[in-house]
Amino acid sequence: MRPLLEDRWAHGVVLLTASVLLDFAVFYFVATVWRQTQEDEAPPRPQLRRVPTWTLIVANTAPASPPWPP
């Protein structure tokens, strides 16, 4: 069986794409670790109220139940 894009894609393009994706992953991993190690002040309190628990339960269980009996 022949590879799907063997004739259309140069091997270098595939390696470049993989390298770019890996570079992004490494960059964001390092940025996340650096951000966690920085000592910042406490995050600001949100100005919005929490969504009531009962609305979350209804919203997450209602679509799972069919509208008619099976």
PDB file of N, CA and C in Angstrom:
ATOM      1  N   MET A   1       0.843  -1.177   0.000  1.00  0.00           N
ATOM      2  CA  MET A   1       0.000   0.000   0.000  1.00  0.00           C
ATOM      3  C   MET A   1       0.890   1.243   0.000  1.00  0.00           C
ATOM      4  N   ARG A   2       0.539   2.202  -0.808  1.00  0.00           N
ATOM      5  CA  ARG A   2       1.307   3.418  -0.986  1.00  0.00           C
ATOM      6  C   ARG A   2       0.804   4.503  -0.022  1.00  0.00           C
ATOM      7  N   PRO A   3       1.689   5.325   0.548  1.00  0.00           N
ATOM      8  CA  PRO A   3       1.237   6.436   1.398  1.00  0.00           C
ATOM      9  C   PRO A   3       0.343   7.397   0.615  1.00  0.00           C
ATOM     10  N   LEU A   4      -0.612   7.984   1.300  1.00  0.00           N
ATOM     11  CA  LEU A   4      -1.641   8.792   0.655  1.00  0.00           C
ATOM     12  C   LEU A   4      -1.074  10.036  -0.037  1.00  0.00           C
ATOM     13  N   LEU A   5      -0.213  10.778   0.625  1.00  0.00           N
ATOM     14  CA  LEU A   5       0.278  12.039   0.059  1.00  0.00           C
ATOM     15  C   LEU A   5       1.732  11.967  -0.373  1.00  0.00           C
ATOM     16  N   GLU A   6       2.186  10.802  -0.764  1.00  0.00           N
ATOM     17  CA  GLU A   6       3.593  10.625  -1.112  1.00  0.00           C
ATOM     18  C   GLU A   6       3.999  11.499  -2.300  1.00  0.00           C
ATOM     19  N   ASP A   7       3.149  11.604  -3.295  1.00  0.00           N
ATOM     20  CA  ASP A   7       3.503  12.365  -4.490  1.00  0.00           C
ATOM     21  C   ASP A   7       3.248  13.857  -4.339  1.00  0.00           C
ATOM     22  N   ARG A   8       2.424  14.243  -3.422  1.00  0.00           N
ATOM     23  CA  ARG A   8       2.021  15.648  -3.339  1.00  0.00           C
ATOM     24  C   ARG A   8       2.813  16.449  -2.308  1.00  0.00           C
ATOM     25  N   TRP A   9       3.267  15.825  -1.257  1.00  0.00           N
ATOM     26  CA  TRP A   9       3.926  16.555  -0.179  1.00  0.00           C
ATOM     27  C   TRP A   9       5.382  16.147  -0.097  1.00  0.00           C
ATOM     28  N   ALA A  10       6.219  17.110  -0.056  1.00  0.00           N
ATOM     29  CA  ALA A  10       7.639  16.832   0.117  1.00  0.00           C
ATOM     30  C   ALA A  10       7.891  16.461   1.577  1.00  0.00           C
ATOM     31  N   HIS A  11       8.868  15.657   1.795  1.00  0.00           N
ATOM     32  CA  HIS A  11       9.193  15.215   3.155  1.00  0.00           C
ATOM     33  C   HIS A  11       9.537  16.414   4.042  1.00  0.00           C
ATOM     34  N   GLY A  12      10.146  17.431   3.469  1.00  0.00           N
ATOM     35  CA  GLY A  12      10.514  18.622   4.234  1.00  0.00           C
ATOM     36  C   GLY A  12       9.315  19.381   4.769  1.00  0.00           C
ATOM     37  N   VAL A  13       8.224  19.412   3.996  1.00  0.00           N
ATOM     38  CA  VAL A  13       7.019  20.111   4.435  1.00  0.00           C
ATOM     39  C   VAL A  13       6.435  19.410   5.661  1.00  0.00           C
ATOM     40  N   VAL A  14       6.437  18.102   5.640  1.00  0.00           N
ATOM     41  CA  VAL A  14       5.924  17.343   6.774  1.00  0.00           C
ATOM     42  C   VAL A  14       6.794  17.578   7.999  1.00  0.00           C
ATOM     43  N   LEU A  15       8.102  17.556   7.835  1.00  0.00           N
ATOM     44  CA  LEU A  15       9.002  17.813   8.954  1.00  0.00           C
ATOM     45  C   LEU A  15       8.863  19.239   9.475  1.00  0.00           C
ATOM     46  N   LEU A  16       8.689  20.197   8.583  1.00  0.00           N
ATOM     47  CA  LEU A  16       8.517  21.584   9.009  1.00  0.00           C
ATOM     48  C   LEU A  16       7.233  21.751   9.818  1.00  0.00           C
ATOM     49  N   THR A  17       6.160  21.159   9.351  1.00  0.00           N
ATOM     50  CA  THR A  17       4.894  21.244  10.070  1.00  0.00           C
ATOM     51  C   THR A  17       5.008  20.613  11.449  1.00  0.00           C
ATOM     52  N   ALA A  18       5.612  19.444  11.529  1.00  0.00           N
ATOM     53  CA  ALA A  18       5.788  18.778  12.818  1.00  0.00           C
ATOM     54  C   ALA A  18       6.669  19.608  13.744  1.00  0.00           C
ATOM     55  N   SER A  19       7.700  20.218  13.199  1.00  0.00           N
ATOM     56  CA  SER A  19       8.588  21.041  14.016  1.00  0.00           C
ATOM     57  C   SER A  19       7.877  22.270  14.558  1.00  0.00           C
ATOM     58  N   VAL A  20       7.076  22.916  13.721  1.00  0.00           N
ATOM     59  CA  VAL A  20       6.335  24.098  14.168  1.00  0.00           C
ATOM     60  C   VAL A  20       5.349  23.727  15.274  1.00  0.00           C
ATOM     61  N   LEU A  21       4.633  22.638  15.110  1.00  0.00           N
ATOM     62  CA  LEU A  21       3.686  22.209  16.145  1.00  0.00           C
ATOM     63  C   LEU A  21       4.402  21.868  17.439  1.00  0.00           C
ATOM     64  N   LEU A  22       5.524  21.199  17.348  1.00  0.00           N
ATOM     65  CA  LEU A  22       6.291  20.861  18.540  1.00  0.00           C
ATOM     66  C   LEU A  22       6.849  22.111  19.206  1.00  0.00           C
ATOM     67  N   ASP A  23       7.302  23.070  18.407  1.00  0.00           N
ATOM     68  CA  ASP A  23       7.802  24.328  18.981  1.00  0.00           C
ATOM     69  C   ASP A  23       6.708  25.071  19.729  1.00  0.00           C
ATOM     70  N   PHE A  24       5.515  25.119  19.173  1.00  0.00           N
ATOM     71  CA  PHE A  24       4.405  25.752  19.878  1.00  0.00           C
ATOM     72  C   PHE A  24       4.111  25.049  21.190  1.00  0.00           C
ATOM     73  N   ALA A  25       4.095  23.720  21.183  1.00  0.00           N
ATOM     74  CA  ALA A  25       3.808  22.971  22.393  1.00  0.00           C
ATOM     75  C   ALA A  25       4.861  23.227  23.465  1.00  0.00           C
ATOM     76  N   VAL A  26       6.117  23.222  23.076  1.00  0.00           N
ATOM     77  CA  VAL A  26       7.195  23.470  24.037  1.00  0.00           C
ATOM     78  C   VAL A  26       7.120  24.900  24.562  1.00  0.00           C
ATOM     79  N   PHE A  27       6.877  25.863  23.677  1.00  0.00           N
ATOM     80  CA  PHE A  27       6.785  27.254  24.110  1.00  0.00           C
ATOM     81  C   PHE A  27       5.684  27.453  25.142  1.00  0.00           C
ATOM     82  N   TYR A  28       4.492  26.914  24.865  1.00  0.00           N
ATOM     83  CA  TYR A  28       3.392  27.121  25.798  1.00  0.00           C
ATOM     84  C   TYR A  28       3.584  26.335  27.084  1.00  0.00           C
ATOM     85  N   PHE A  29       4.256  25.203  27.035  1.00  0.00           N
ATOM     86  CA  PHE A  29       4.565  24.473  28.254  1.00  0.00           C
ATOM     87  C   PHE A  29       5.514  25.289  29.132  1.00  0.00           C
ATOM     88  N   VAL A  30       6.566  25.827  28.527  1.00  0.00           N
ATOM     89  CA  VAL A  30       7.524  26.635  29.284  1.00  0.00           C
ATOM     90  C   VAL A  30       6.850  27.899  29.810  1.00  0.00           C
ATOM     91  N   ALA A  31       6.001  28.529  29.012  1.00  0.00           N
ATOM     92  CA  ALA A  31       5.302  29.732  29.468  1.00  0.00           C
ATOM     93  C   ALA A  31       4.387  29.426  30.645  1.00  0.00           C
ATOM     94  N   THR A  32       3.739  28.271  30.627  1.00  0.00           N
ATOM     95  CA  THR A  32       2.857  27.890  31.729  1.00  0.00           C
ATOM     96  C   THR A  32       3.654  27.633  32.998  1.00  0.00           C
ATOM     97  N   VAL A  33       4.755  26.923  32.883  1.00  0.00           N
ATOM     98  CA  VAL A  33       5.591  26.670  34.060  1.00  0.00           C
ATOM     99  C   VAL A  33       6.135  27.981  34.601  1.00  0.00           C
ATOM    100  N   TRP A  34       6.592  28.870  33.728  1.00  0.00           N
ATOM    101  CA  TRP A  34       7.118  30.159  34.174  1.00  0.00           C
ATOM    102  C   TRP A  34       6.038  30.975  34.882  1.00  0.00           C
ATOM    103  N   ARG A  35       4.836  30.949  34.337  1.00  0.00           N
ATOM    104  CA  ARG A  35       3.751  31.725  34.947  1.00  0.00           C
ATOM    105  C   ARG A  35       3.391  31.176  36.325  1.00  0.00           C
ATOM    106  N   GLN A  36       3.443  29.860  36.492  1.00  0.00           N
ATOM    107  CA  GLN A  36       3.108  29.269  37.779  1.00  0.00           C
ATOM    108  C   GLN A  36       4.184  29.548  38.826  1.00  0.00           C
ATOM    109  N   THR A  37       5.412  29.751  38.397  1.00  0.00           N
ATOM    110  CA  THR A  37       6.482  29.994  39.362  1.00  0.00           C
ATOM    111  C   THR A  37       6.568  31.451  39.785  1.00  0.00           C
ATOM    112  N   GLN A  38       5.918  32.348  39.077  1.00  0.00           N
ATOM    113  CA  GLN A  38       5.943  33.757  39.437  1.00  0.00           C
ATOM    114  C   GLN A  38       5.010  34.004  40.623  1.00  0.00           C
ATOM    115  N   GLU A  39       5.448  34.820  41.546  1.00  0.00           N
ATOM    116  CA  GLU A  39       4.616  35.148  42.699  1.00  0.00           C
ATOM    117  C   GLU A  39       3.847  36.432  42.396  1.00  0.00           C
ATOM    118  N   ASP A  40       2.583  36.262  42.136  1.00  0.00           N
ATOM    119  CA  ASP A  40       1.718  37.402  41.865  1.00  0.00           C
ATOM    120  C   ASP A  40       0.823  37.652  43.059  1.00  0.00           C
ATOM    121  N   GLU A  41       0.188  38.787  43.037  1.00  0.00           N
ATOM    122  CA  GLU A  41      -0.814  39.056  44.054  1.00  0.00           C
ATOM    123  C   GLU A  41      -2.040  38.185  43.789  1.00  0.00           C
ATOM    124  N   ALA A  42      -2.931  38.141  44.728  1.00  0.00           N
ATOM    125  CA  ALA A  42      -4.124  37.313  44.580  1.00  0.00           C
ATOM    126  C   ALA A  42      -4.934  37.793  43.369  1.00  0.00           C
ATOM    127  N   PRO A  43      -5.546  36.873  42.655  1.00  0.00           N
ATOM    128  CA  PRO A  43      -6.349  37.282  41.496  1.00  0.00           C
ATOM    129  C   PRO A  43      -7.551  38.112  41.947  1.00  0.00           C
ATOM    130  N   PRO A  44      -8.009  39.023  41.117  1.00  0.00           N
ATOM    131  CA  PRO A  44      -9.137  39.869  41.509  1.00  0.00           C
ATOM    132  C   PRO A  44     -10.416  39.051  41.663  1.00  0.00           C
ATOM    133  N   ARG A  45     -11.282  39.499  42.556  1.00  0.00           N
ATOM    134  CA  ARG A  45     -12.558  38.824  42.750  1.00  0.00           C
ATOM    135  C   ARG A  45     -13.462  39.118  41.557  1.00  0.00           C
ATOM    136  N   PRO A  46     -14.172  38.116  41.064  1.00  0.00           N
ATOM    137  CA  PRO A  46     -15.068  38.352  39.931  1.00  0.00           C
ATOM    138  C   PRO A  46     -16.241  39.237  40.345  1.00  0.00           C
ATOM    139  N   GLN A  47     -16.746  39.986  39.391  1.00  0.00           N
ATOM    140  CA  GLN A  47     -17.864  40.881  39.674  1.00  0.00           C
ATOM    141  C   GLN A  47     -19.205  40.223  39.405  1.00  0.00           C
ATOM    142  N   LEU A  48     -19.203  38.996  38.924  1.00  0.00           N
ATOM    143  CA  LEU A  48     -20.438  38.279  38.617  1.00  0.00           C
ATOM    144  C   LEU A  48     -20.753  37.282  39.714  1.00  0.00           C
ATOM    145  N   ARG A  49     -22.042  37.000  39.880  1.00  0.00           N
ATOM    146  CA  ARG A  49     -22.444  35.982  40.848  1.00  0.00           C
ATOM    147  C   ARG A  49     -22.311  34.607  40.226  1.00  0.00           C
ATOM    148  N   ARG A  50     -22.210  33.582  41.087  1.00  0.00           N
ATOM    149  CA  ARG A  50     -22.139  32.204  40.593  1.00  0.00           C
ATOM    150  C   ARG A  50     -23.481  31.773  40.034  1.00  0.00           C
ATOM    151  N   VAL A  51     -23.441  30.891  39.066  1.00  0.00           N
ATOM    152  CA  VAL A  51     -24.664  30.314  38.518  1.00  0.00           C
ATOM    153  C   VAL A  51     -25.202  29.332  39.557  1.00  0.00           C
ATOM    154  N   PRO A  52     -26.487  29.383  39.863  1.00  0.00           N
ATOM    155  CA  PRO A  52     -27.028  28.436  40.851  1.00  0.00           C
ATOM    156  C   PRO A  52     -26.809  26.982  40.431  1.00  0.00           C
ATOM    157  N   THR A  53     -26.546  26.142  41.410  1.00  0.00           N
ATOM    158  CA  THR A  53     -26.235  24.743  41.144  1.00  0.00           C
ATOM    159  C   THR A  53     -27.381  24.034  40.446  1.00  0.00           C
ATOM    160  N   TRP A  54     -28.609  24.337  40.839  1.00  0.00           N
ATOM    161  CA  TRP A  54     -29.748  23.616  40.264  1.00  0.00           C
ATOM    162  C   TRP A  54     -29.878  23.888  38.766  1.00  0.00           C
ATOM    163  N   THR A  55     -29.516  25.081  38.308  1.00  0.00           N
ATOM    164  CA  THR A  55     -29.602  25.348  36.869  1.00  0.00           C
ATOM    165  C   THR A  55     -28.555  24.553  36.088  1.00  0.00           C
ATOM    166  N   LEU A  56     -27.385  24.365  36.690  1.00  0.00           N
ATOM    167  CA  LEU A  56     -26.368  23.561  36.024  1.00  0.00           C
ATOM    168  C   LEU A  56     -26.798  22.102  35.933  1.00  0.00           C
ATOM    169  N   ILE A  57     -27.411  21.600  36.990  1.00  0.00           N
ATOM    170  CA  ILE A  57     -27.877  20.210  36.979  1.00  0.00           C
ATOM    171  C   ILE A  57     -28.963  20.018  35.932  1.00  0.00           C
ATOM    172  N   VAL A  58     -29.917  20.929  35.891  1.00  0.00           N
ATOM    173  CA  VAL A  58     -31.000  20.826  34.904  1.00  0.00           C
ATOM    174  C   VAL A  58     -30.445  20.936  33.484  1.00  0.00           C
ATOM    175  N   ALA A  59     -29.544  21.870  33.265  1.00  0.00           N
ATOM    176  CA  ALA A  59     -28.996  22.072  31.923  1.00  0.00           C
ATOM    177  C   ALA A  59     -28.172  20.882  31.450  1.00  0.00           C
ATOM    178  N   ASN A  60     -27.522  20.176  32.370  1.00  0.00           N
ATOM    179  CA  ASN A  60     -26.675  19.054  31.968  1.00  0.00           C
ATOM    180  C   ASN A  60     -27.413  17.731  31.903  1.00  0.00           C
ATOM    181  N   THR A  61     -28.554  17.611  32.557  1.00  0.00           N
ATOM    182  CA  THR A  61     -29.277  16.337  32.516  1.00  0.00           C
ATOM    183  C   THR A  61     -30.458  16.365  31.558  1.00  0.00           C
ATOM    184  N   ALA A  62     -31.021  17.512  31.291  1.00  0.00           N
ATOM    185  CA  ALA A  62     -32.190  17.591  30.422  1.00  0.00           C
ATOM    186  C   ALA A  62     -31.909  17.098  28.997  1.00  0.00           C
ATOM    187  N   PRO A  63     -30.842  17.501  28.350  1.00  0.00           N
ATOM    188  CA  PRO A  63     -30.612  17.013  26.988  1.00  0.00           C
ATOM    189  C   PRO A  63     -30.304  15.508  26.924  1.00  0.00           C
ATOM    190  N   ALA A  64     -29.857  14.937  28.025  1.00  0.00           N
ATOM    191  CA  ALA A  64     -29.514  13.509  28.005  1.00  0.00           C
ATOM    192  C   ALA A  64     -30.739  12.617  28.016  1.00  0.00           C
ATOM    193  N   SER A  65     -31.856  13.119  28.523  1.00  0.00           N
ATOM    194  CA  SER A  65     -33.063  12.293  28.574  1.00  0.00           C
ATOM    195  C   SER A  65     -33.892  12.528  27.311  1.00  0.00           C
ATOM    196  N   PRO A  66     -34.369  11.470  26.679  1.00  0.00           N
ATOM    197  CA  PRO A  66     -35.169  11.646  25.459  1.00  0.00           C
ATOM    198  C   PRO A  66     -36.532  12.245  25.777  1.00  0.00           C
ATOM    199  N   PRO A  67     -37.122  12.963  24.834  1.00  0.00           N
ATOM    200  CA  PRO A  67     -38.410  13.604  25.096  1.00  0.00           C
ATOM    201  C   PRO A  67     -39.587  12.626  25.118  1.00  0.00           C
ATOM    202  N   TRP A  68     -39.393  11.408  24.695  1.00  0.00           N
ATOM    203  CA  TRP A  68     -40.464  10.421  24.694  1.00  0.00           C
ATOM    204  C   TRP A  68     -39.954   9.113  25.290  1.00  0.00           C
ATOM    205  N   PRO A  69     -40.812   8.261  25.787  1.00  0.00           N
ATOM    206  CA  PRO A  69     -40.343   6.980  26.310  1.00  0.00           C
ATOM    207  C   PRO A  69     -39.874   6.068  25.177  1.00  0.00           C
ATOM    208  N   PRO A  70     -38.879   5.237  25.452  1.00  0.00           N
ATOM    209  CA  PRO A  70     -38.361   4.386  24.365  1.00  0.00           C
ATOM    210  C   PRO A  70     -39.319   3.314  23.924  1.00  0.00           C
TER     211      PRO A  70
END
